[in-house]
Each structure stands twice: as structure tokens, then as C-alpha cells.
Amino acid sequence: MGDGEVAEGQVWEAMLTAAKFKLDNLCAVVDVNGLQIDGKTEDVMPTEPLDQKFEAFGWHVIKVDGHDYEEIANAFAEAESIKGKPTMILAKTVKGKGVSFMENDAGWHGKAPNDEQYAQARAELEATLKELEG
């Protein structure tokens, strides 16, 4: 789920229920990018510190770089080993990462690029991939 979605009451009710019933086979992930459709989460409905809140609700919390696949895989492995409580993975990300005109721009939430923007975004992402492949 997204960090904007976490402001919804039913999310917290589910968190309480999962902890009460010690659902250690449950692992949830929050995409923590600080943005939602209406703007910055801190302006719309502040929810931080998420880690402390989920811990207080009885969850095991793991914080990761949401762009690092190895960290994410390790977090899921750790979650599998936790007994007696559910696990929450907080994945810190950058909305639109790698696309210059989309990064950290809430306006791109739920909006598709036009053909020209798509071509530019694809070119930027392909250039980054080539860089990474070395």
C-alpha cells in the first residue's frame, strides 16, 4: 500500500486485527515516497513516524531502500522468520525515480504520460539501465 493510503481508518483496524491474532504469516509493504494524489503526505495527513506506529500496534517492522532489490529480498526472508506477529516492510522510494520530469512530482499520481513524455521517460530509463550494466 502507499503511505497516503495508510491515513485510512480501515488500514489501522486491519493492523490491530492482524496483531491481535498474531498473523505471523502476514507481511505487508508500504511504499514510503511522501506523496499522494493530493500532494505531500505530511501536508495532507501526516502519518510519520510509521515505524514507531506499526511497532506500537504490535508489528515487526523492517525499513528498506525500496529501490534495492537485495534489501527487499532480505526483508521478505526476515519476515518469514518472524513468529507471533505480522511484519511490515517500509520501503523508502522516490516517486517517478529515474525520470527527470516525474521524480517527486505528485502530479504524476494516476496520470499517464503523452507520447512525447513516454519517449523521453523511456530514453532516460534505458540510459540509466545501460549505465548500471556498465
C-alpha atoms as a PDB file:
ATOM      1  CA  MET A   1       0.000   0.000   0.000  1.00  0.00           C
ATOM      2  CA  GLY A   2       1.057   3.603  -0.276  1.00  0.00           C
ATOM      3  CA  ASP A   3       1.963   5.941   2.563  1.00  0.00           C
ATOM      4  CA  GLY A   4      -1.032   8.109   1.645  1.00  0.00           C
ATOM      5  CA  GLU A   5      -3.306   5.098   1.939  1.00  0.00           C
ATOM      6  CA  VAL A   6      -2.065   4.499   5.478  1.00  0.00           C
ATOM      7  CA  ALA A   7      -4.118   7.501   6.651  1.00  0.00           C
ATOM      8  CA  GLU A   8      -7.289   5.459   6.054  1.00  0.00           C
ATOM      9  CA  GLY A   9      -9.014   4.133   9.160  1.00  0.00           C
ATOM     10  CA  GLN A  10      -9.589   0.648   7.797  1.00  0.00           C
ATOM     11  CA  VAL A  11      -5.818   0.219   7.441  1.00  0.00           C
ATOM     12  CA  TRP A  12      -5.333   0.769  11.177  1.00  0.00           C
ATOM     13  CA  GLU A  13      -8.247  -1.539  12.007  1.00  0.00           C
ATOM     14  CA  ALA A  14      -6.606  -4.242   9.893  1.00  0.00           C
ATOM     15  CA  MET A  15      -3.254  -3.618  11.581  1.00  0.00           C
ATOM     16  CA  LEU A  16      -4.810  -4.074  15.014  1.00  0.00           C
ATOM     17  CA  THR A  17      -6.635  -7.227  13.931  1.00  0.00           C
ATOM     18  CA  ALA A  18      -3.513  -8.788  12.402  1.00  0.00           C
ATOM     19  CA  ALA A  19      -1.514  -8.153  15.562  1.00  0.00           C
ATOM     20  CA  LYS A  20      -4.301  -9.393  17.863  1.00  0.00           C
ATOM     21  CA  PHE A  21      -4.452 -12.703  16.034  1.00  0.00           C
ATOM     22  CA  LYS A  22      -0.640 -12.937  15.779  1.00  0.00           C
ATOM     23  CA  LEU A  23      -0.741 -13.351  11.999  1.00  0.00           C
ATOM     24  CA  ASP A  24       2.941 -14.155  11.566  1.00  0.00           C
ATOM     25  CA  ASN A  25       2.259 -15.384   8.029  1.00  0.00           C
ATOM     26  CA  LEU A  26       1.239 -11.836   7.032  1.00  0.00           C
ATOM     27  CA  CYS A  27       3.750  -9.428   5.531  1.00  0.00           C
ATOM     28  CA  ALA A  28       2.675  -6.004   4.279  1.00  0.00           C
ATOM     29  CA  VAL A  29       4.669  -3.376   2.407  1.00  0.00           C
ATOM     30  CA  VAL A  30       4.212   0.377   2.486  1.00  0.00           C
ATOM     31  CA  ASP A  31       5.694   2.419  -0.346  1.00  0.00           C
ATOM     32  CA  VAL A  32       7.017   5.403   1.610  1.00  0.00           C
ATOM     33  CA  ASN A  33       7.536   8.105  -1.010  1.00  0.00           C
ATOM     34  CA  GLY A  34       5.966  11.013   0.854  1.00  0.00           C
ATOM     35  CA  LEU A  35       3.453  11.757  -1.909  1.00  0.00           C
ATOM     36  CA  GLN A  36      -0.171  11.005  -2.606  1.00  0.00           C
ATOM     37  CA  ILE A  37      -2.707  12.203  -5.150  1.00  0.00           C
ATOM     38  CA  ASP A  38      -3.433  15.415  -3.204  1.00  0.00           C
ATOM     39  CA  GLY A  39       0.219  16.334  -2.543  1.00  0.00           C
ATOM     40  CA  LYS A  40       2.772  15.644   0.169  1.00  0.00           C
ATOM     41  CA  THR A  41       1.585  13.175   2.792  1.00  0.00           C
ATOM     42  CA  GLU A  42       2.915  15.466   5.532  1.00  0.00           C
ATOM     43  CA  ASP A  43       0.579  18.222   4.296  1.00  0.00           C
ATOM     44  CA  VAL A  44      -2.491  16.096   3.529  1.00  0.00           C
ATOM     45  CA  MET A  45      -2.475  13.806   6.581  1.00  0.00           C
ATOM     46  CA  PRO A  46       0.822  13.301   8.406  1.00  0.00           C
ATOM     47  CA  THR A  47       1.384   9.666   9.380  1.00  0.00           C
ATOM     48  CA  GLU A  48       5.050   9.602  10.383  1.00  0.00           C
ATOM     49  CA  PRO A  49       6.722   8.052  12.274  1.00  0.00           C
ATOM     50  CA  LEU A  50       5.295   4.946  10.620  1.00  0.00           C
ATOM     51  CA  ASP A  51       7.883   2.586  12.080  1.00  0.00           C
ATOM     52  CA  GLN A  52       7.024   3.558  15.660  1.00  0.00           C
ATOM     53  CA  LYS A  53       3.300   3.423  14.997  1.00  0.00           C
ATOM     54  CA  PHE A  54       3.393  -0.048  13.464  1.00  0.00           C
ATOM     55  CA  GLU A  55       5.649  -1.281  16.283  1.00  0.00           C
ATOM     56  CA  ALA A  56       3.196   0.146  18.841  1.00  0.00           C
ATOM     57  CA  PHE A  57       0.413  -1.751  17.053  1.00  0.00           C
ATOM     58  CA  GLY A  58       2.372  -4.994  17.572  1.00  0.00           C
ATOM     59  CA  TRP A  59       4.074  -5.424  14.211  1.00  0.00           C
ATOM     60  CA  HIS A  60       7.652  -6.361  13.412  1.00  0.00           C
ATOM     61  CA  VAL A  61       8.997  -3.506  11.258  1.00  0.00           C
ATOM     62  CA  ILE A  62      11.760  -3.642   8.651  1.00  0.00           C
ATOM     63  CA  LYS A  63      12.913  -0.490   6.852  1.00  0.00           C
ATOM     64  CA  VAL A  64      14.479  -0.826   3.392  1.00  0.00           C
ATOM     65  CA  ASP A  65      15.541   1.163   0.364  1.00  0.00           C
ATOM     66  CA  GLY A  66      12.602   0.409  -1.907  1.00  0.00           C
ATOM     67  CA  HIS A  67      14.853   0.645  -4.970  1.00  0.00           C
ATOM     68  CA  ASP A  68      17.284  -2.013  -3.727  1.00  0.00           C
ATOM     69  CA  TYR A  69      16.074  -5.476  -4.759  1.00  0.00           C
ATOM     70  CA  GLU A  70      18.555  -7.260  -2.496  1.00  0.00           C
ATOM     71  CA  GLU A  71      17.349  -5.328   0.563  1.00  0.00           C
ATOM     72  CA  ILE A  72      13.762  -6.127  -0.354  1.00  0.00           C
ATOM     73  CA  ALA A  73      14.509  -9.848  -0.787  1.00  0.00           C
ATOM     74  CA  ASN A  74      16.349  -9.900   2.546  1.00  0.00           C
ATOM     75  CA  ALA A  75      13.405  -8.188   4.233  1.00  0.00           C
ATOM     76  CA  PHE A  76      11.000 -10.847   2.961  1.00  0.00           C
ATOM     77  CA  ALA A  77      13.368 -13.562   4.200  1.00  0.00           C
ATOM     78  CA  GLU A  78      13.498 -11.888   7.614  1.00  0.00           C
ATOM     79  CA  ALA A  79       9.699 -11.569   7.664  1.00  0.00           C
ATOM     80  CA  GLU A  80       9.364 -15.285   7.041  1.00  0.00           C
ATOM     81  CA  SER A  81      11.412 -15.990  10.172  1.00  0.00           C
ATOM     82  CA  ILE A  82       9.321 -13.801  12.497  1.00  0.00           C
ATOM     83  CA  LYS A  83       6.963 -15.702  14.776  1.00  0.00           C
ATOM     84  CA  GLY A  84       3.982 -14.436  16.755  1.00  0.00           C
ATOM     85  CA  LYS A  85       3.410 -11.144  14.939  1.00  0.00           C
ATOM     86  CA  PRO A  86       2.889  -9.776  11.435  1.00  0.00           C
ATOM     87  CA  THR A  87       5.665  -7.920   9.602  1.00  0.00           C
ATOM     88  CA  MET A  88       5.571  -4.513   7.967  1.00  0.00           C
ATOM     89  CA  ILE A  89       8.203  -3.590   5.389  1.00  0.00           C
ATOM     90  CA  LEU A  90       8.603   0.161   4.999  1.00  0.00           C
ATOM     91  CA  ALA A  91      10.130   0.703   1.553  1.00  0.00           C
ATOM     92  CA  LYS A  92      11.535   4.220   1.134  1.00  0.00           C
ATOM     93  CA  THR A  93      11.204   5.189  -2.528  1.00  0.00           C
ATOM     94  CA  VAL A  94      11.266   8.170  -4.858  1.00  0.00           C
ATOM     95  CA  LYS A  95       8.080   8.554  -6.893  1.00  0.00           C
ATOM     96  CA  GLY A  96       8.987   8.530 -10.587  1.00  0.00           C
ATOM     97  CA  LYS A  97      12.622   7.669  -9.890  1.00  0.00           C
ATOM     98  CA  GLY A  98      14.815   7.866 -12.950  1.00  0.00           C
ATOM     99  CA  VAL A  99      12.532  10.091 -14.991  1.00  0.00           C
ATOM    100  CA  SER A 100      13.616  13.719 -14.651  1.00  0.00           C
ATOM    101  CA  PHE A 101      10.220  15.331 -15.071  1.00  0.00           C
ATOM    102  CA  MET A 102       8.381  12.799 -12.900  1.00  0.00           C
ATOM    103  CA  GLU A 103      10.643  12.470  -9.851  1.00  0.00           C
ATOM    104  CA  ASN A 104       8.982  13.621  -6.625  1.00  0.00           C
ATOM    105  CA  ASP A 105       6.060  15.135  -8.520  1.00  0.00           C
ATOM    106  CA  ALA A 106       2.670  14.261  -7.001  1.00  0.00           C
ATOM    107  CA  GLY A 107       1.018  15.427 -10.226  1.00  0.00           C
ATOM    108  CA  TRP A 108       2.050  12.145 -11.859  1.00  0.00           C
ATOM    109  CA  HIS A 109      -0.001  10.098  -9.400  1.00  0.00           C
ATOM    110  CA  GLY A 110      -2.545   8.292 -11.556  1.00  0.00           C
ATOM    111  CA  LYS A 111      -1.659  10.213 -14.711  1.00  0.00           C
ATOM    112  CA  ALA A 112      -0.291   8.716 -17.918  1.00  0.00           C
ATOM    113  CA  PRO A 113       2.384  10.455 -20.000  1.00  0.00           C
ATOM    114  CA  ASN A 114       1.624  11.555 -23.549  1.00  0.00           C
ATOM    115  CA  ASP A 115       3.614  10.021 -26.425  1.00  0.00           C
ATOM    116  CA  GLU A 116       6.411  12.601 -26.233  1.00  0.00           C
ATOM    117  CA  GLN A 117       6.730  12.270 -22.450  1.00  0.00           C
ATOM    118  CA  TYR A 118       6.684   8.491 -22.739  1.00  0.00           C
ATOM    119  CA  ALA A 119       9.538   8.583 -25.261  1.00  0.00           C
ATOM    120  CA  GLN A 120      11.592  10.864 -23.018  1.00  0.00           C
ATOM    121  CA  ALA A 121      10.925   8.737 -19.924  1.00  0.00           C
ATOM    122  CA  ARG A 122      11.831   5.536 -21.731  1.00  0.00           C
ATOM    123  CA  ALA A 123      15.054   7.067 -23.074  1.00  0.00           C
ATOM    124  CA  GLU A 124      16.077   8.242 -19.599  1.00  0.00           C
ATOM    125  CA  LEU A 125      15.359   4.846 -18.044  1.00  0.00           C
ATOM    126  CA  GLU A 126      17.183   2.990 -20.827  1.00  0.00           C
ATOM    127  CA  ALA A 127      20.222   5.264 -20.359  1.00  0.00           C
ATOM    128  CA  THR A 128      20.230   4.518 -16.640  1.00  0.00           C
ATOM    129  CA  LEU A 129      19.980   0.779 -17.314  1.00  0.00           C
ATOM    130  CA  LYS A 130      22.948   0.918 -19.711  1.00  0.00           C
ATOM    131  CA  GLU A 131      24.943   2.801 -17.061  1.00  0.00           C
ATOM    132  CA  LEU A 132      24.161   0.148 -14.468  1.00  0.00           C
ATOM    133  CA  GLU A 133      25.077  -2.673 -16.808  1.00  0.00           C
ATOM    134  CA  GLY A 134      28.405  -0.937 -17.268  1.00  0.00           C
END
